[in-house]
């Protein structure tokens, strides 16, 4: 076999191997692989307001619960949850999510995601919720 053809085949095999290994060891970017759904609706977590602090995708956002209100303003820092919206509806940073009277934020699953704390990868698990 000619040496240039052999070099091209070795290069192509190396590239293919690199791609396969990268796919196998990289963390999944698919949010649905990190959600565990409950077979039935869970407990009511809160009836308070929430504020979006990180939009993961247009229809998925992490939000924190209203801790307390005062004459100075609102403080969010309570329970962290993952809200999901139907396709075509989107979240935005600092959006306030109000729970209508007579409804509550109910847990429907859990979401696990990686975080970085001083160069150490940690995993957090938060409730996946919907207003019901």
C-alpha atoms as a PDB file:
ATOM      1  CA  UNK A   1       0.000   0.000   0.000  1.00  0.00           C
ATOM      2  CA  UNK A   2       1.276   3.446  -0.796  1.00  0.00           C
ATOM      3  CA  UNK A   3       2.592   5.339   2.218  1.00  0.00           C
ATOM      4  CA  UNK A   4       0.400   8.436   1.668  1.00  0.00           C
ATOM      5  CA  UNK A   5      -2.768   6.286   1.581  1.00  0.00           C
ATOM      6  CA  UNK A   6      -1.665   4.470   4.716  1.00  0.00           C
ATOM      7  CA  UNK A   7      -1.076   7.816   6.496  1.00  0.00           C
ATOM      8  CA  UNK A   8      -4.542   9.089   5.507  1.00  0.00           C
ATOM      9  CA  UNK A   9      -6.201   5.895   6.805  1.00  0.00           C
ATOM     10  CA  UNK A  10      -4.298   6.087  10.110  1.00  0.00           C
ATOM     11  CA  UNK A  11      -5.257   9.760  10.480  1.00  0.00           C
ATOM     12  CA  UNK A  12      -8.964   9.007   9.752  1.00  0.00           C
ATOM     13  CA  UNK A  13      -8.991   6.105  12.229  1.00  0.00           C
ATOM     14  CA  UNK A  14      -7.417   8.333  14.893  1.00  0.00           C
ATOM     15  CA  UNK A  15      -9.984  11.079  14.335  1.00  0.00           C
ATOM     16  CA  UNK A  16     -12.887   8.602  14.500  1.00  0.00           C
ATOM     17  CA  UNK A  17     -11.516   7.103  17.718  1.00  0.00           C
ATOM     18  CA  UNK A  18     -11.114  10.573  19.263  1.00  0.00           C
ATOM     19  CA  UNK A  19     -14.713  11.501  18.435  1.00  0.00           C
ATOM     20  CA  UNK A  20     -16.092   8.240  19.874  1.00  0.00           C
ATOM     21  CA  UNK A  21     -14.106   8.632  23.110  1.00  0.00           C
ATOM     22  CA  UNK A  22     -15.140  12.285  23.481  1.00  0.00           C
ATOM     23  CA  UNK A  23     -18.819  11.368  23.102  1.00  0.00           C
ATOM     24  CA  UNK A  24     -18.536   8.528  25.618  1.00  0.00           C
ATOM     25  CA  UNK A  25     -16.771  10.513  28.368  1.00  0.00           C
ATOM     26  CA  UNK A  26     -18.458  13.897  27.977  1.00  0.00           C
ATOM     27  CA  UNK A  27     -21.362  14.709  30.308  1.00  0.00           C
ATOM     28  CA  UNK A  28     -24.730  14.604  28.623  1.00  0.00           C
ATOM     29  CA  UNK A  29     -26.051  17.999  27.652  1.00  0.00           C
ATOM     30  CA  UNK A  30     -29.544  16.571  27.438  1.00  0.00           C
ATOM     31  CA  UNK A  31     -31.497  17.868  30.434  1.00  0.00           C
ATOM     32  CA  UNK A  32     -34.039  15.031  30.206  1.00  0.00           C
ATOM     33  CA  UNK A  33     -31.359  12.458  31.053  1.00  0.00           C
ATOM     34  CA  UNK A  34     -30.898  14.151  34.427  1.00  0.00           C
ATOM     35  CA  UNK A  35     -34.580  14.323  35.418  1.00  0.00           C
ATOM     36  CA  UNK A  36     -36.211  11.557  37.412  1.00  0.00           C
ATOM     37  CA  UNK A  37     -39.989  11.808  37.086  1.00  0.00           C
ATOM     38  CA  UNK A  38     -42.273  10.651  39.888  1.00  0.00           C
ATOM     39  CA  UNK A  39     -45.021   8.181  38.940  1.00  0.00           C
ATOM     40  CA  UNK A  40     -47.519  10.423  40.765  1.00  0.00           C
ATOM     41  CA  UNK A  41     -47.573  14.095  41.714  1.00  0.00           C
ATOM     42  CA  UNK A  42     -45.619  14.785  44.887  1.00  0.00           C
ATOM     43  CA  UNK A  43     -46.178  17.086  47.805  1.00  0.00           C
ATOM     44  CA  UNK A  44     -47.001  20.763  47.691  1.00  0.00           C
ATOM     45  CA  UNK A  45     -43.665  22.528  48.253  1.00  0.00           C
ATOM     46  CA  UNK A  46     -44.733  26.154  48.406  1.00  0.00           C
ATOM     47  CA  UNK A  47     -47.435  28.705  47.731  1.00  0.00           C
ATOM     48  CA  UNK A  48     -44.935  31.564  47.668  1.00  0.00           C
ATOM     49  CA  UNK A  49     -43.473  33.485  44.733  1.00  0.00           C
ATOM     50  CA  UNK A  50     -40.270  32.351  42.969  1.00  0.00           C
ATOM     51  CA  UNK A  51     -37.590  34.243  41.008  1.00  0.00           C
ATOM     52  CA  UNK A  52     -35.677  32.761  38.073  1.00  0.00           C
ATOM     53  CA  UNK A  53     -31.923  33.001  38.632  1.00  0.00           C
ATOM     54  CA  UNK A  54     -30.686  30.792  35.787  1.00  0.00           C
ATOM     55  CA  UNK A  55     -32.344  29.900  32.485  1.00  0.00           C
ATOM     56  CA  UNK A  56     -31.030  26.497  31.386  1.00  0.00           C
ATOM     57  CA  UNK A  57     -33.013  26.412  28.160  1.00  0.00           C
ATOM     58  CA  UNK A  58     -35.773  28.750  27.019  1.00  0.00           C
ATOM     59  CA  UNK A  59     -38.393  26.472  28.599  1.00  0.00           C
ATOM     60  CA  UNK A  60     -36.402  25.307  31.681  1.00  0.00           C
ATOM     61  CA  UNK A  61     -35.159  27.479  34.541  1.00  0.00           C
ATOM     62  CA  UNK A  62     -33.803  27.255  38.059  1.00  0.00           C
ATOM     63  CA  UNK A  63     -35.655  29.511  40.478  1.00  0.00           C
ATOM     64  CA  UNK A  64     -35.439  30.356  44.169  1.00  0.00           C
ATOM     65  CA  UNK A  65     -38.340  30.752  46.565  1.00  0.00           C
ATOM     66  CA  UNK A  66     -39.258  34.051  48.200  1.00  0.00           C
ATOM     67  CA  UNK A  67     -37.660  33.991  51.670  1.00  0.00           C
ATOM     68  CA  UNK A  68     -39.345  37.082  53.089  1.00  0.00           C
ATOM     69  CA  UNK A  69     -40.799  40.463  52.197  1.00  0.00           C
ATOM     70  CA  UNK A  70     -40.239  43.734  53.977  1.00  0.00           C
ATOM     71  CA  UNK A  71     -40.837  47.405  53.340  1.00  0.00           C
ATOM     72  CA  UNK A  72     -37.395  47.500  51.693  1.00  0.00           C
ATOM     73  CA  UNK A  73     -38.188  44.725  49.201  1.00  0.00           C
ATOM     74  CA  UNK A  74     -38.270  41.022  48.575  1.00  0.00           C
ATOM     75  CA  UNK A  75     -35.513  38.536  49.380  1.00  0.00           C
ATOM     76  CA  UNK A  76     -35.269  35.344  47.352  1.00  0.00           C
ATOM     77  CA  UNK A  77     -33.033  32.559  48.583  1.00  0.00           C
ATOM     78  CA  UNK A  78     -35.355  29.841  49.783  1.00  0.00           C
ATOM     79  CA  UNK A  79     -35.791  26.456  48.138  1.00  0.00           C
ATOM     80  CA  UNK A  80     -34.248  26.108  44.666  1.00  0.00           C
ATOM     81  CA  UNK A  81     -36.446  24.347  42.095  1.00  0.00           C
ATOM     82  CA  UNK A  82     -36.546  23.592  38.372  1.00  0.00           C
ATOM     83  CA  UNK A  83     -39.577  24.966  36.521  1.00  0.00           C
ATOM     84  CA  UNK A  84     -40.495  23.644  33.078  1.00  0.00           C
ATOM     85  CA  UNK A  85     -42.797  25.378  30.604  1.00  0.00           C
ATOM     86  CA  UNK A  86     -44.646  24.037  27.597  1.00  0.00           C
ATOM     87  CA  UNK A  87     -43.016  24.373  24.192  1.00  0.00           C
ATOM     88  CA  UNK A  88     -43.351  27.889  22.824  1.00  0.00           C
ATOM     89  CA  UNK A  89     -43.341  29.516  26.294  1.00  0.00           C
ATOM     90  CA  UNK A  90     -40.068  30.886  27.588  1.00  0.00           C
ATOM     91  CA  UNK A  91     -38.352  31.951  30.809  1.00  0.00           C
ATOM     92  CA  UNK A  92     -36.090  34.988  31.253  1.00  0.00           C
ATOM     93  CA  UNK A  93     -33.575  36.040  33.928  1.00  0.00           C
ATOM     94  CA  UNK A  94     -35.074  37.552  37.096  1.00  0.00           C
ATOM     95  CA  UNK A  95     -38.606  36.588  36.026  1.00  0.00           C
ATOM     96  CA  UNK A  96     -40.957  36.389  39.005  1.00  0.00           C
ATOM     97  CA  UNK A  97     -43.230  33.358  39.045  1.00  0.00           C
ATOM     98  CA  UNK A  98     -46.365  34.003  41.071  1.00  0.00           C
ATOM     99  CA  UNK A  99     -48.482  31.131  42.363  1.00  0.00           C
ATOM    100  CA  UNK A 100     -52.176  31.859  41.780  1.00  0.00           C
ATOM    101  CA  UNK A 101     -54.490  31.826  44.787  1.00  0.00           C
ATOM    102  CA  UNK A 102     -55.733  28.311  45.544  1.00  0.00           C
ATOM    103  CA  UNK A 103     -52.793  26.663  43.753  1.00  0.00           C
ATOM    104  CA  UNK A 104     -49.389  25.446  44.905  1.00  0.00           C
ATOM    105  CA  UNK A 105     -45.986  24.524  43.558  1.00  0.00           C
ATOM    106  CA  UNK A 106     -46.050  20.715  43.474  1.00  0.00           C
ATOM    107  CA  UNK A 107     -43.048  18.420  43.066  1.00  0.00           C
ATOM    108  CA  UNK A 108     -43.225  16.111  40.027  1.00  0.00           C
ATOM    109  CA  UNK A 109     -39.632  14.842  39.987  1.00  0.00           C
ATOM    110  CA  UNK A 110     -36.004  15.683  40.738  1.00  0.00           C
ATOM    111  CA  UNK A 111     -33.277  17.218  38.581  1.00  0.00           C
ATOM    112  CA  UNK A 112     -29.561  16.552  39.108  1.00  0.00           C
ATOM    113  CA  UNK A 113     -26.997  18.900  37.602  1.00  0.00           C
ATOM    114  CA  UNK A 114     -23.246  19.477  37.909  1.00  0.00           C
ATOM    115  CA  UNK A 115     -21.816  22.580  39.597  1.00  0.00           C
ATOM    116  CA  UNK A 116     -18.276  23.748  40.189  1.00  0.00           C
ATOM    117  CA  UNK A 117     -17.191  24.772  43.667  1.00  0.00           C
ATOM    118  CA  UNK A 118     -13.562  25.960  43.792  1.00  0.00           C
ATOM    119  CA  UNK A 119     -12.478  23.696  40.914  1.00  0.00           C
ATOM    120  CA  UNK A 120     -14.293  20.668  42.362  1.00  0.00           C
ATOM    121  CA  UNK A 121     -17.240  19.246  40.437  1.00  0.00           C
ATOM    122  CA  UNK A 122     -20.254  18.651  42.666  1.00  0.00           C
ATOM    123  CA  UNK A 123     -23.766  17.521  41.846  1.00  0.00           C
ATOM    124  CA  UNK A 124     -26.881  19.238  43.124  1.00  0.00           C
ATOM    125  CA  UNK A 125     -30.361  17.741  43.122  1.00  0.00           C
ATOM    126  CA  UNK A 126     -33.425  19.976  43.189  1.00  0.00           C
ATOM    127  CA  UNK A 127     -37.167  19.331  42.874  1.00  0.00           C
ATOM    128  CA  UNK A 128     -38.776  19.566  39.437  1.00  0.00           C
ATOM    129  CA  UNK A 129     -42.049  21.399  40.005  1.00  0.00           C
ATOM    130  CA  UNK A 130     -45.204  22.594  38.343  1.00  0.00           C
ATOM    131  CA  UNK A 131     -47.935  24.903  39.523  1.00  0.00           C
ATOM    132  CA  UNK A 132     -51.010  22.817  40.217  1.00  0.00           C
END
